[in-house]
Amino acid sequence: MLDMVELVLFHHAQGLTAGCRAFAAGLSAAGHTVRVPDLYEGATFDTLAAGIAHSERLGFDTVIERGRRAAAVLPPGIVYAGMSLGVMPAQLLAQTRPGARGAVLLHAAVPPAEFGGPWPPGVPLQIQTMDADPLGDADVARRLAATVEGAELFLYPGARHLFSDEGLPDYDGPAAALLKQRVLAFLARIDAPA
């Protein structure tokens, strides 16, 4: 039997919500080891606007540093995943921490130059967002995916942002189910022997 993938999942701007935990639990139920660090130290927010305001008060550097510290205690050969705000530490670690096995960027993407340069060769990438989400950075996602050999980019029709969090108003059940299926397929490919 193959070892399953170990990954760290960084939450979105509303914090480590029940919906984030449920998503992580779904990946764990498939046999993967999923860590979900709390970048907000227990705070969660009822609205996206309130969560964004909190992240701005904290500062994006603080959010990224908390993600870096959370990953520092983990083995290097893991997959980094992030939902929206959580894409920042996930993408930074995938681009800069040696041994990254892959990255899953949900609801957002960041130009790779923000983290010091191009995407590292041989690190698989999957990005999923809605095509008309003003916060989802679909244009950035397209540009990033175009620069990474074998990258997977899935754009869903619509303008909802956190459509995979089952506890939030933007939740879209069919899109969320497909997103999860695609994440699990991505992890299975990483887990497959070469």
N, C-alpha and C. Protein backbone atom coordinates (compact mmCIF):
# COMPACT_ATOMS: atom_id res chain seq x y z
N MET A 1 0.84 -1.19 0.00
CA MET A 1 0.00 0.00 0.00
C MET A 1 0.87 1.25 0.00
N LEU A 2 0.51 2.22 -0.80
CA LEU A 2 1.27 3.45 -0.89
C LEU A 2 1.07 4.32 0.34
N ASP A 3 2.10 5.07 0.71
CA ASP A 3 1.93 6.10 1.73
C ASP A 3 1.10 7.21 1.11
N MET A 4 0.21 7.77 1.89
CA MET A 4 -0.59 8.87 1.38
C MET A 4 0.19 10.17 1.54
N VAL A 5 -0.32 11.22 0.94
CA VAL A 5 0.35 12.51 0.94
C VAL A 5 0.15 13.22 2.28
N GLU A 6 1.18 13.90 2.71
CA GLU A 6 1.06 14.80 3.86
C GLU A 6 0.98 16.22 3.32
N LEU A 7 0.00 16.98 3.82
CA LEU A 7 -0.12 18.36 3.37
C LEU A 7 -0.50 19.27 4.51
N VAL A 8 -0.20 20.54 4.30
CA VAL A 8 -0.62 21.59 5.22
C VAL A 8 -1.59 22.47 4.45
N LEU A 9 -2.74 22.75 5.09
CA LEU A 9 -3.78 23.57 4.48
C LEU A 9 -3.93 24.85 5.28
N PHE A 10 -3.68 25.99 4.65
CA PHE A 10 -3.81 27.30 5.29
C PHE A 10 -5.18 27.88 4.98
N HIS A 11 -5.84 28.37 6.02
CA HIS A 11 -7.22 28.85 5.92
C HIS A 11 -7.32 30.19 5.21
N HIS A 12 -8.56 30.57 4.91
CA HIS A 12 -8.88 31.82 4.23
C HIS A 12 -9.03 32.97 5.22
N ALA A 13 -9.42 34.14 4.73
CA ALA A 13 -9.46 35.35 5.53
C ALA A 13 -10.48 35.32 6.66
N GLN A 14 -11.47 34.45 6.59
CA GLN A 14 -12.45 34.38 7.68
C GLN A 14 -11.98 33.49 8.82
N GLY A 15 -10.79 32.93 8.68
CA GLY A 15 -10.20 32.15 9.76
C GLY A 15 -10.39 30.66 9.56
N LEU A 16 -10.01 29.92 10.58
CA LEU A 16 -10.11 28.47 10.53
C LEU A 16 -11.54 28.09 10.90
N THR A 17 -12.42 28.25 9.94
CA THR A 17 -13.85 28.04 10.12
C THR A 17 -14.19 26.55 10.16
N ALA A 18 -15.43 26.28 10.55
CA ALA A 18 -15.90 24.89 10.50
C ALA A 18 -15.84 24.34 9.08
N GLY A 19 -16.10 25.20 8.09
CA GLY A 19 -16.03 24.77 6.70
C GLY A 19 -14.61 24.41 6.27
N CYS A 20 -13.62 25.17 6.72
CA CYS A 20 -12.22 24.82 6.44
C CYS A 20 -11.87 23.48 7.08
N ARG A 21 -12.30 23.32 8.32
CA ARG A 21 -12.02 22.06 9.03
C ARG A 21 -12.71 20.88 8.33
N ALA A 22 -13.92 21.11 7.84
CA ALA A 22 -14.64 20.04 7.14
C ALA A 22 -13.94 19.67 5.84
N PHE A 23 -13.43 20.67 5.12
CA PHE A 23 -12.69 20.38 3.89
C PHE A 23 -11.45 19.54 4.20
N ALA A 24 -10.71 19.95 5.24
CA ALA A 24 -9.52 19.19 5.65
C ALA A 24 -9.90 17.77 6.07
N ALA A 25 -11.02 17.64 6.78
CA ALA A 25 -11.47 16.32 7.21
C ALA A 25 -11.79 15.42 6.02
N GLY A 26 -12.34 16.03 4.96
CA GLY A 26 -12.63 15.26 3.75
C GLY A 26 -11.36 14.71 3.10
N LEU A 27 -10.29 15.50 3.12
CA LEU A 27 -9.02 15.02 2.58
C LEU A 27 -8.42 13.95 3.49
N SER A 28 -8.56 14.15 4.80
CA SER A 28 -8.08 13.15 5.76
C SER A 28 -8.83 11.83 5.60
N ALA A 29 -10.13 11.91 5.36
CA ALA A 29 -10.93 10.70 5.19
C ALA A 29 -10.47 9.87 3.99
N ALA A 30 -9.83 10.53 3.03
CA ALA A 30 -9.28 9.83 1.87
C ALA A 30 -7.92 9.22 2.18
N GLY A 31 -7.43 9.40 3.41
CA GLY A 31 -6.19 8.78 3.83
C GLY A 31 -4.99 9.70 3.93
N HIS A 32 -5.16 10.96 3.59
CA HIS A 32 -4.04 11.90 3.65
C HIS A 32 -3.88 12.47 5.05
N THR A 33 -2.66 12.85 5.38
CA THR A 33 -2.38 13.53 6.65
C THR A 33 -2.48 15.02 6.37
N VAL A 34 -3.42 15.68 7.02
CA VAL A 34 -3.68 17.10 6.76
C VAL A 34 -3.48 17.90 8.04
N ARG A 35 -2.62 18.88 7.97
CA ARG A 35 -2.41 19.82 9.08
C ARG A 35 -3.12 21.12 8.73
N VAL A 36 -3.78 21.71 9.71
CA VAL A 36 -4.51 22.96 9.47
C VAL A 36 -4.12 23.99 10.54
N PRO A 37 -2.98 24.64 10.35
CA PRO A 37 -2.56 25.64 11.33
C PRO A 37 -3.52 26.82 11.38
N ASP A 38 -3.64 27.40 12.55
CA ASP A 38 -4.53 28.55 12.74
C ASP A 38 -3.70 29.83 12.71
N LEU A 39 -3.74 30.50 11.58
CA LEU A 39 -2.94 31.72 11.40
C LEU A 39 -3.51 32.91 12.16
N TYR A 40 -4.74 32.78 12.65
CA TYR A 40 -5.42 33.86 13.38
C TYR A 40 -5.49 33.62 14.88
N GLU A 41 -4.87 32.57 15.35
CA GLU A 41 -4.83 32.27 16.79
C GLU A 41 -6.23 32.22 17.40
N GLY A 42 -7.15 31.53 16.72
CA GLY A 42 -8.48 31.30 17.26
C GLY A 42 -9.57 32.22 16.75
N ALA A 43 -9.21 33.32 16.14
CA ALA A 43 -10.23 34.27 15.67
C ALA A 43 -10.86 33.77 14.37
N THR A 44 -12.18 33.89 14.28
CA THR A 44 -12.91 33.67 13.04
C THR A 44 -13.87 34.83 12.85
N PHE A 45 -14.32 35.02 11.61
CA PHE A 45 -15.13 36.19 11.29
C PHE A 45 -16.35 35.78 10.48
N ASP A 46 -17.48 36.44 10.80
CA ASP A 46 -18.75 36.12 10.16
C ASP A 46 -18.83 36.59 8.71
N THR A 47 -18.04 37.60 8.36
CA THR A 47 -18.08 38.11 6.99
C THR A 47 -16.67 38.15 6.41
N LEU A 48 -16.62 38.08 5.10
CA LEU A 48 -15.34 38.17 4.42
C LEU A 48 -14.71 39.54 4.65
N ALA A 49 -15.52 40.61 4.63
CA ALA A 49 -14.99 41.96 4.86
C ALA A 49 -14.31 42.06 6.22
N ALA A 50 -14.94 41.50 7.25
CA ALA A 50 -14.34 41.55 8.59
C ALA A 50 -13.05 40.74 8.64
N GLY A 51 -13.02 39.59 7.97
CA GLY A 51 -11.81 38.79 7.93
C GLY A 51 -10.67 39.47 7.19
N ILE A 52 -11.00 40.12 6.08
CA ILE A 52 -9.98 40.86 5.34
C ILE A 52 -9.44 42.01 6.18
N ALA A 53 -10.33 42.71 6.86
CA ALA A 53 -9.90 43.81 7.73
C ALA A 53 -8.96 43.30 8.81
N HIS A 54 -9.26 42.14 9.37
CA HIS A 54 -8.39 41.56 10.40
C HIS A 54 -7.01 41.22 9.82
N SER A 55 -7.00 40.61 8.64
CA SER A 55 -5.72 40.25 8.03
C SER A 55 -4.90 41.49 7.71
N GLU A 56 -5.58 42.57 7.32
CA GLU A 56 -4.86 43.82 7.04
C GLU A 56 -4.31 44.43 8.33
N ARG A 57 -5.06 44.32 9.44
CA ARG A 57 -4.54 44.81 10.72
C ARG A 57 -3.32 44.00 11.16
N LEU A 58 -3.42 42.68 11.00
CA LEU A 58 -2.28 41.83 11.34
C LEU A 58 -1.08 42.14 10.45
N GLY A 59 -1.36 42.33 9.18
CA GLY A 59 -0.32 42.51 8.17
C GLY A 59 -0.06 41.20 7.46
N PHE A 60 0.03 41.27 6.15
CA PHE A 60 0.26 40.05 5.36
C PHE A 60 1.60 39.41 5.72
N ASP A 61 2.59 40.22 6.09
CA ASP A 61 3.88 39.65 6.50
C ASP A 61 3.71 38.77 7.73
N THR A 62 2.86 39.19 8.67
CA THR A 62 2.61 38.39 9.87
C THR A 62 1.90 37.09 9.50
N VAL A 63 0.91 37.17 8.64
CA VAL A 63 0.20 35.96 8.21
C VAL A 63 1.18 34.99 7.55
N ILE A 64 2.01 35.48 6.67
CA ILE A 64 2.98 34.63 5.98
C ILE A 64 3.99 34.05 6.97
N GLU A 65 4.45 34.86 7.90
CA GLU A 65 5.43 34.37 8.88
C GLU A 65 4.81 33.29 9.78
N ARG A 66 3.56 33.47 10.15
CA ARG A 66 2.89 32.42 10.95
C ARG A 66 2.80 31.13 10.15
N GLY A 67 2.54 31.23 8.87
CA GLY A 67 2.51 30.05 8.02
C GLY A 67 3.88 29.40 7.92
N ARG A 68 4.88 30.21 7.78
CA ARG A 68 6.26 29.69 7.69
C ARG A 68 6.64 28.95 8.98
N ARG A 69 6.29 29.55 10.13
CA ARG A 69 6.60 28.91 11.42
C ARG A 69 5.84 27.59 11.58
N ALA A 70 4.59 27.57 11.14
CA ALA A 70 3.80 26.34 11.24
C ALA A 70 4.42 25.23 10.40
N ALA A 71 4.94 25.57 9.25
CA ALA A 71 5.54 24.57 8.36
C ALA A 71 6.94 24.16 8.81
N ALA A 72 7.61 25.00 9.57
CA ALA A 72 8.98 24.73 9.98
C ALA A 72 9.11 23.45 10.80
N VAL A 73 8.05 23.06 11.49
CA VAL A 73 8.10 21.86 12.32
C VAL A 73 7.69 20.61 11.54
N LEU A 74 7.31 20.79 10.28
CA LEU A 74 6.87 19.68 9.45
C LEU A 74 8.00 19.20 8.56
N PRO A 75 7.94 17.94 8.11
CA PRO A 75 8.98 17.46 7.19
C PRO A 75 8.92 18.25 5.89
N PRO A 76 10.04 18.34 5.16
CA PRO A 76 10.05 19.14 3.94
C PRO A 76 9.25 18.55 2.79
N GLY A 77 9.07 17.27 2.69
CA GLY A 77 8.44 16.65 1.53
C GLY A 77 6.93 16.61 1.62
N ILE A 78 6.30 17.78 1.67
CA ILE A 78 4.85 17.84 1.80
C ILE A 78 4.24 18.70 0.69
N VAL A 79 2.92 18.67 0.62
CA VAL A 79 2.16 19.52 -0.30
C VAL A 79 1.66 20.72 0.49
N TYR A 80 1.73 21.89 -0.12
CA TYR A 80 1.26 23.12 0.50
C TYR A 80 -0.04 23.53 -0.17
N ALA A 81 -1.07 23.75 0.64
CA ALA A 81 -2.37 24.13 0.10
C ALA A 81 -2.87 25.36 0.85
N GLY A 82 -3.59 26.21 0.12
CA GLY A 82 -4.15 27.40 0.76
C GLY A 82 -5.47 27.77 0.13
N MET A 83 -6.32 28.35 0.96
CA MET A 83 -7.61 28.87 0.51
C MET A 83 -7.54 30.39 0.60
N SER A 84 -7.62 31.08 -0.54
CA SER A 84 -7.64 32.53 -0.60
C SER A 84 -6.44 33.13 0.14
N LEU A 85 -6.64 33.79 1.26
CA LEU A 85 -5.52 34.36 2.04
C LEU A 85 -4.44 33.31 2.30
N GLY A 86 -4.86 32.08 2.56
CA GLY A 86 -3.91 31.00 2.84
C GLY A 86 -3.03 30.63 1.66
N VAL A 87 -3.39 31.12 0.47
CA VAL A 87 -2.54 30.89 -0.70
C VAL A 87 -1.18 31.57 -0.51
N MET A 88 -1.16 32.70 0.19
CA MET A 88 0.12 33.40 0.35
C MET A 88 1.17 32.54 1.04
N PRO A 89 0.94 32.01 2.24
CA PRO A 89 1.97 31.14 2.81
C PRO A 89 2.16 29.84 2.04
N ALA A 90 1.07 29.29 1.49
CA ALA A 90 1.21 28.03 0.74
C ALA A 90 2.09 28.22 -0.48
N GLN A 91 1.84 29.27 -1.23
CA GLN A 91 2.62 29.51 -2.45
C GLN A 91 4.06 29.87 -2.12
N LEU A 92 4.26 30.69 -1.10
CA LEU A 92 5.63 31.04 -0.68
C LEU A 92 6.41 29.78 -0.33
N LEU A 93 5.83 28.90 0.47
CA LEU A 93 6.54 27.69 0.89
C LEU A 93 6.78 26.75 -0.28
N ALA A 94 5.80 26.61 -1.16
CA ALA A 94 5.99 25.75 -2.33
C ALA A 94 7.12 26.27 -3.22
N GLN A 95 7.22 27.59 -3.32
CA GLN A 95 8.25 28.18 -4.17
C GLN A 95 9.63 28.21 -3.53
N THR A 96 9.70 28.24 -2.20
CA THR A 96 10.98 28.51 -1.56
C THR A 96 11.49 27.42 -0.62
N ARG A 97 10.62 26.55 -0.13
CA ARG A 97 11.08 25.53 0.81
C ARG A 97 11.50 24.29 0.04
N PRO A 98 12.75 23.88 0.20
CA PRO A 98 13.22 22.70 -0.53
C PRO A 98 12.37 21.46 -0.22
N GLY A 99 12.16 20.64 -1.23
CA GLY A 99 11.47 19.38 -1.06
C GLY A 99 9.97 19.43 -1.23
N ALA A 100 9.41 20.59 -1.58
CA ALA A 100 7.96 20.68 -1.77
C ALA A 100 7.50 19.64 -2.78
N ARG A 101 6.42 18.92 -2.45
CA ARG A 101 5.89 17.89 -3.35
C ARG A 101 4.80 18.43 -4.25
N GLY A 102 4.29 19.62 -3.96
CA GLY A 102 3.24 20.19 -4.78
C GLY A 102 2.56 21.34 -4.08
N ALA A 103 1.66 22.02 -4.82
CA ALA A 103 0.90 23.13 -4.26
C ALA A 103 -0.51 23.11 -4.82
N VAL A 104 -1.47 23.37 -3.94
CA VAL A 104 -2.87 23.50 -4.32
C VAL A 104 -3.31 24.89 -3.88
N LEU A 105 -3.65 25.73 -4.86
CA LEU A 105 -4.04 27.11 -4.59
C LEU A 105 -5.53 27.25 -4.90
N LEU A 106 -6.32 27.50 -3.86
CA LEU A 106 -7.77 27.57 -3.99
C LEU A 106 -8.25 28.99 -3.78
N HIS A 107 -9.02 29.50 -4.72
CA HIS A 107 -9.68 30.80 -4.63
C HIS A 107 -8.74 31.98 -4.84
N ALA A 108 -7.49 31.75 -5.19
CA ALA A 108 -6.56 32.86 -5.42
C ALA A 108 -5.25 32.32 -5.96
N ALA A 109 -4.44 33.23 -6.46
CA ALA A 109 -3.07 32.95 -6.87
C ALA A 109 -2.30 34.26 -6.78
N VAL A 110 -1.01 34.14 -6.64
CA VAL A 110 -0.14 35.31 -6.49
C VAL A 110 0.93 35.25 -7.57
N PRO A 111 1.30 36.38 -8.18
CA PRO A 111 2.40 36.32 -9.14
C PRO A 111 3.66 35.74 -8.47
N PRO A 112 4.32 34.78 -9.09
CA PRO A 112 5.46 34.14 -8.42
C PRO A 112 6.60 35.08 -8.09
N ALA A 113 6.71 36.19 -8.80
CA ALA A 113 7.76 37.16 -8.50
C ALA A 113 7.61 37.74 -7.09
N GLU A 114 6.40 37.73 -6.54
CA GLU A 114 6.19 38.21 -5.17
C GLU A 114 6.99 37.41 -4.16
N PHE A 115 7.32 36.18 -4.52
CA PHE A 115 8.05 35.31 -3.59
C PHE A 115 9.44 34.97 -4.12
N GLY A 116 10.00 35.87 -4.91
CA GLY A 116 11.39 35.76 -5.27
C GLY A 116 11.73 35.15 -6.61
N GLY A 117 10.76 34.83 -7.41
CA GLY A 117 11.15 34.33 -8.72
C GLY A 117 10.17 33.38 -9.32
N PRO A 118 10.62 32.64 -10.34
CA PRO A 118 9.71 31.73 -11.04
C PRO A 118 9.36 30.52 -10.19
N TRP A 119 8.36 29.79 -10.66
CA TRP A 119 7.94 28.56 -10.00
C TRP A 119 9.08 27.55 -10.09
N PRO A 120 9.36 26.81 -9.00
CA PRO A 120 10.47 25.86 -9.04
C PRO A 120 10.17 24.67 -9.96
N PRO A 121 11.13 24.26 -10.74
CA PRO A 121 10.93 23.12 -11.64
C PRO A 121 10.57 21.86 -10.86
N GLY A 122 9.65 21.07 -11.42
CA GLY A 122 9.32 19.79 -10.84
C GLY A 122 8.34 19.82 -9.67
N VAL A 123 7.82 21.00 -9.31
CA VAL A 123 6.84 21.09 -8.22
C VAL A 123 5.46 21.21 -8.86
N PRO A 124 4.64 20.15 -8.75
CA PRO A 124 3.31 20.18 -9.36
C PRO A 124 2.43 21.29 -8.77
N LEU A 125 1.56 21.83 -9.61
CA LEU A 125 0.71 22.95 -9.21
C LEU A 125 -0.71 22.73 -9.68
N GLN A 126 -1.66 22.99 -8.79
CA GLN A 126 -3.07 23.01 -9.16
C GLN A 126 -3.67 24.31 -8.61
N ILE A 127 -4.44 25.00 -9.46
CA ILE A 127 -5.13 26.24 -9.06
C ILE A 127 -6.61 26.07 -9.40
N GLN A 128 -7.48 26.46 -8.45
CA GLN A 128 -8.92 26.42 -8.69
C GLN A 128 -9.55 27.70 -8.14
N THR A 129 -10.32 28.37 -8.99
CA THR A 129 -11.03 29.58 -8.59
C THR A 129 -12.21 29.79 -9.54
N MET A 130 -13.04 30.75 -9.22
CA MET A 130 -14.13 31.10 -10.15
C MET A 130 -13.63 32.16 -11.13
N ASP A 131 -14.11 32.05 -12.36
CA ASP A 131 -13.57 32.89 -13.43
C ASP A 131 -13.91 34.37 -13.29
N ALA A 132 -15.01 34.71 -12.63
CA ALA A 132 -15.40 36.12 -12.50
C ALA A 132 -15.29 36.62 -11.06
N ASP A 133 -14.63 35.88 -10.19
CA ASP A 133 -14.44 36.31 -8.81
C ASP A 133 -13.42 37.44 -8.77
N PRO A 134 -13.82 38.64 -8.34
CA PRO A 134 -12.87 39.75 -8.32
C PRO A 134 -11.70 39.53 -7.36
N LEU A 135 -11.87 38.68 -6.36
CA LEU A 135 -10.79 38.38 -5.42
C LEU A 135 -10.01 37.13 -5.81
N GLY A 136 -10.51 36.39 -6.78
CA GLY A 136 -9.92 35.11 -7.13
C GLY A 136 -8.72 35.17 -8.03
N ASP A 137 -8.42 36.34 -8.58
CA ASP A 137 -7.22 36.54 -9.39
C ASP A 137 -7.12 35.55 -10.55
N ALA A 138 -8.22 35.38 -11.31
CA ALA A 138 -8.21 34.42 -12.42
C ALA A 138 -7.15 34.76 -13.46
N ASP A 139 -6.92 36.05 -13.70
CA ASP A 139 -5.88 36.42 -14.67
C ASP A 139 -4.50 36.04 -14.16
N VAL A 140 -4.25 36.26 -12.87
CA VAL A 140 -2.97 35.86 -12.27
C VAL A 140 -2.85 34.33 -12.34
N ALA A 141 -3.94 33.63 -12.04
CA ALA A 141 -3.92 32.18 -12.09
C ALA A 141 -3.58 31.68 -13.49
N ARG A 142 -4.19 32.30 -14.50
CA ARG A 142 -3.89 31.90 -15.89
C ARG A 142 -2.41 32.11 -16.22
N ARG A 143 -1.89 33.28 -15.83
CA ARG A 143 -0.48 33.57 -16.14
C ARG A 143 0.46 32.61 -15.40
N LEU A 144 0.18 32.36 -14.13
CA LEU A 144 1.02 31.45 -13.36
C LEU A 144 0.97 30.04 -13.96
N ALA A 145 -0.23 29.54 -14.22
CA ALA A 145 -0.37 28.19 -14.77
C ALA A 145 0.35 28.04 -16.11
N ALA A 146 0.34 29.11 -16.90
CA ALA A 146 0.99 29.06 -18.21
C ALA A 146 2.51 28.92 -18.10
N THR A 147 3.08 29.26 -16.94
CA THR A 147 4.53 29.20 -16.77
C THR A 147 5.01 27.91 -16.11
N VAL A 148 4.09 27.08 -15.66
CA VAL A 148 4.46 25.86 -14.93
C VAL A 148 4.10 24.64 -15.76
N GLU A 149 5.09 23.88 -16.13
CA GLU A 149 4.85 22.69 -16.95
C GLU A 149 3.92 21.73 -16.22
N GLY A 150 2.84 21.34 -16.89
CA GLY A 150 1.89 20.39 -16.32
C GLY A 150 0.93 20.97 -15.30
N ALA A 151 0.95 22.29 -15.11
CA ALA A 151 0.05 22.89 -14.12
C ALA A 151 -1.41 22.65 -14.49
N GLU A 152 -2.23 22.48 -13.48
CA GLU A 152 -3.67 22.32 -13.67
C GLU A 152 -4.37 23.60 -13.22
N LEU A 153 -5.18 24.14 -14.09
CA LEU A 153 -5.97 25.33 -13.78
C LEU A 153 -7.43 25.01 -14.04
N PHE A 154 -8.25 25.16 -13.01
CA PHE A 154 -9.68 24.94 -13.14
C PHE A 154 -10.41 26.23 -12.77
N LEU A 155 -11.11 26.79 -13.75
CA LEU A 155 -11.90 28.00 -13.54
C LEU A 155 -13.37 27.61 -13.61
N TYR A 156 -14.09 27.96 -12.57
CA TYR A 156 -15.52 27.64 -12.47
C TYR A 156 -16.32 28.87 -12.88
N PRO A 157 -17.46 28.68 -13.53
CA PRO A 157 -18.28 29.84 -13.88
C PRO A 157 -18.89 30.47 -12.63
N GLY A 158 -18.75 31.79 -12.53
CA GLY A 158 -19.35 32.47 -11.40
C GLY A 158 -18.43 33.47 -10.76
N ALA A 159 -18.97 34.16 -9.76
CA ALA A 159 -18.22 35.23 -9.08
C ALA A 159 -18.15 35.01 -7.58
N ARG A 160 -18.46 33.81 -7.11
CA ARG A 160 -18.36 33.53 -5.68
C ARG A 160 -16.90 33.34 -5.31
N HIS A 161 -16.56 33.75 -4.09
CA HIS A 161 -15.15 33.66 -3.69
C HIS A 161 -14.88 32.35 -2.93
N LEU A 162 -15.35 32.23 -1.73
CA LEU A 162 -15.04 31.06 -0.89
C LEU A 162 -16.10 29.97 -1.09
N PHE A 163 -16.22 29.52 -2.33
CA PHE A 163 -17.30 28.60 -2.69
C PHE A 163 -17.09 27.18 -2.18
N SER A 164 -15.93 26.87 -1.62
CA SER A 164 -15.69 25.52 -1.11
C SER A 164 -15.92 25.40 0.39
N ASP A 165 -16.20 26.49 1.08
CA ASP A 165 -16.43 26.47 2.53
C ASP A 165 -17.93 26.31 2.77
N GLU A 166 -18.31 25.13 3.22
CA GLU A 166 -19.74 24.79 3.35
C GLU A 166 -20.49 25.63 4.37
N GLY A 167 -19.82 26.38 5.21
CA GLY A 167 -20.50 27.18 6.21
C GLY A 167 -20.67 28.64 5.84
N LEU A 168 -20.29 29.01 4.63
CA LEU A 168 -20.32 30.42 4.24
C LEU A 168 -21.34 30.68 3.14
N PRO A 169 -21.80 31.93 3.02
CA PRO A 169 -22.83 32.25 2.01
C PRO A 169 -22.40 31.99 0.57
N ASP A 170 -21.11 32.06 0.26
CA ASP A 170 -20.63 31.82 -1.10
C ASP A 170 -20.55 30.35 -1.48
N TYR A 171 -20.86 29.47 -0.55
CA TYR A 171 -20.75 28.03 -0.80
C TYR A 171 -21.58 27.62 -2.02
N ASP A 172 -20.97 26.83 -2.88
CA ASP A 172 -21.62 26.29 -4.07
C ASP A 172 -21.38 24.78 -4.04
N GLY A 173 -22.39 24.02 -3.63
CA GLY A 173 -22.23 22.58 -3.43
C GLY A 173 -21.66 21.83 -4.62
N PRO A 174 -22.25 21.97 -5.83
CA PRO A 174 -21.69 21.22 -6.97
C PRO A 174 -20.25 21.63 -7.30
N ALA A 175 -19.95 22.93 -7.28
CA ALA A 175 -18.58 23.37 -7.57
C ALA A 175 -17.62 22.89 -6.49
N ALA A 176 -18.06 22.95 -5.22
CA ALA A 176 -17.20 22.50 -4.12
C ALA A 176 -16.90 21.00 -4.22
N ALA A 177 -17.90 20.22 -4.61
CA ALA A 177 -17.70 18.78 -4.76
C ALA A 177 -16.70 18.49 -5.87
N LEU A 178 -16.80 19.22 -6.97
CA LEU A 178 -15.86 19.03 -8.08
C LEU A 178 -14.46 19.49 -7.68
N LEU A 179 -14.38 20.60 -6.96
CA LEU A 179 -13.08 21.08 -6.47
C LEU A 179 -12.41 20.02 -5.62
N LYS A 180 -13.14 19.47 -4.67
CA LYS A 180 -12.58 18.44 -3.79
C LYS A 180 -12.14 17.22 -4.58
N GLN A 181 -12.97 16.78 -5.53
CA GLN A 181 -12.63 15.64 -6.38
C GLN A 181 -11.32 15.91 -7.12
N ARG A 182 -11.17 17.11 -7.63
CA ARG A 182 -9.95 17.45 -8.38
C ARG A 182 -8.73 17.54 -7.47
N VAL A 183 -8.90 18.04 -6.25
CA VAL A 183 -7.79 18.06 -5.29
C VAL A 183 -7.36 16.63 -4.97
N LEU A 184 -8.33 15.76 -4.70
CA LEU A 184 -7.99 14.37 -4.38
C LEU A 184 -7.30 13.67 -5.55
N ALA A 185 -7.73 13.96 -6.77
CA ALA A 185 -7.08 13.38 -7.93
C ALA A 185 -5.64 13.88 -8.07
N PHE A 186 -5.43 15.16 -7.80
CA PHE A 186 -4.09 15.75 -7.83
C PHE A 186 -3.19 15.06 -6.79
N LEU A 187 -3.70 14.91 -5.57
CA LEU A 187 -2.92 14.26 -4.51
C LEU A 187 -2.62 12.81 -4.86
N ALA A 188 -3.57 12.13 -5.50
CA ALA A 188 -3.34 10.74 -5.90
C ALA A 188 -2.22 10.64 -6.92
N ARG A 189 -2.15 11.60 -7.83
CA ARG A 189 -1.08 11.59 -8.83
C ARG A 189 0.28 11.84 -8.17
N ILE A 190 0.31 12.73 -7.19
CA ILE A 190 1.58 12.99 -6.47
C ILE A 190 2.00 11.73 -5.73
N ASP A 191 1.03 11.01 -5.20
CA ASP A 191 1.30 9.81 -4.40
C ASP A 191 1.70 8.61 -5.26
N ALA A 192 1.37 8.66 -6.55
CA ALA A 192 1.63 7.50 -7.42
C ALA A 192 3.14 7.33 -7.64
N PRO A 193 3.58 6.08 -7.74
CA PRO A 193 5.01 5.86 -7.99
C PRO A 193 5.39 6.35 -9.37
N ALA A 194 6.62 6.79 -9.48
CA ALA A 194 7.12 7.34 -10.76
C ALA A 194 7.36 6.23 -11.76
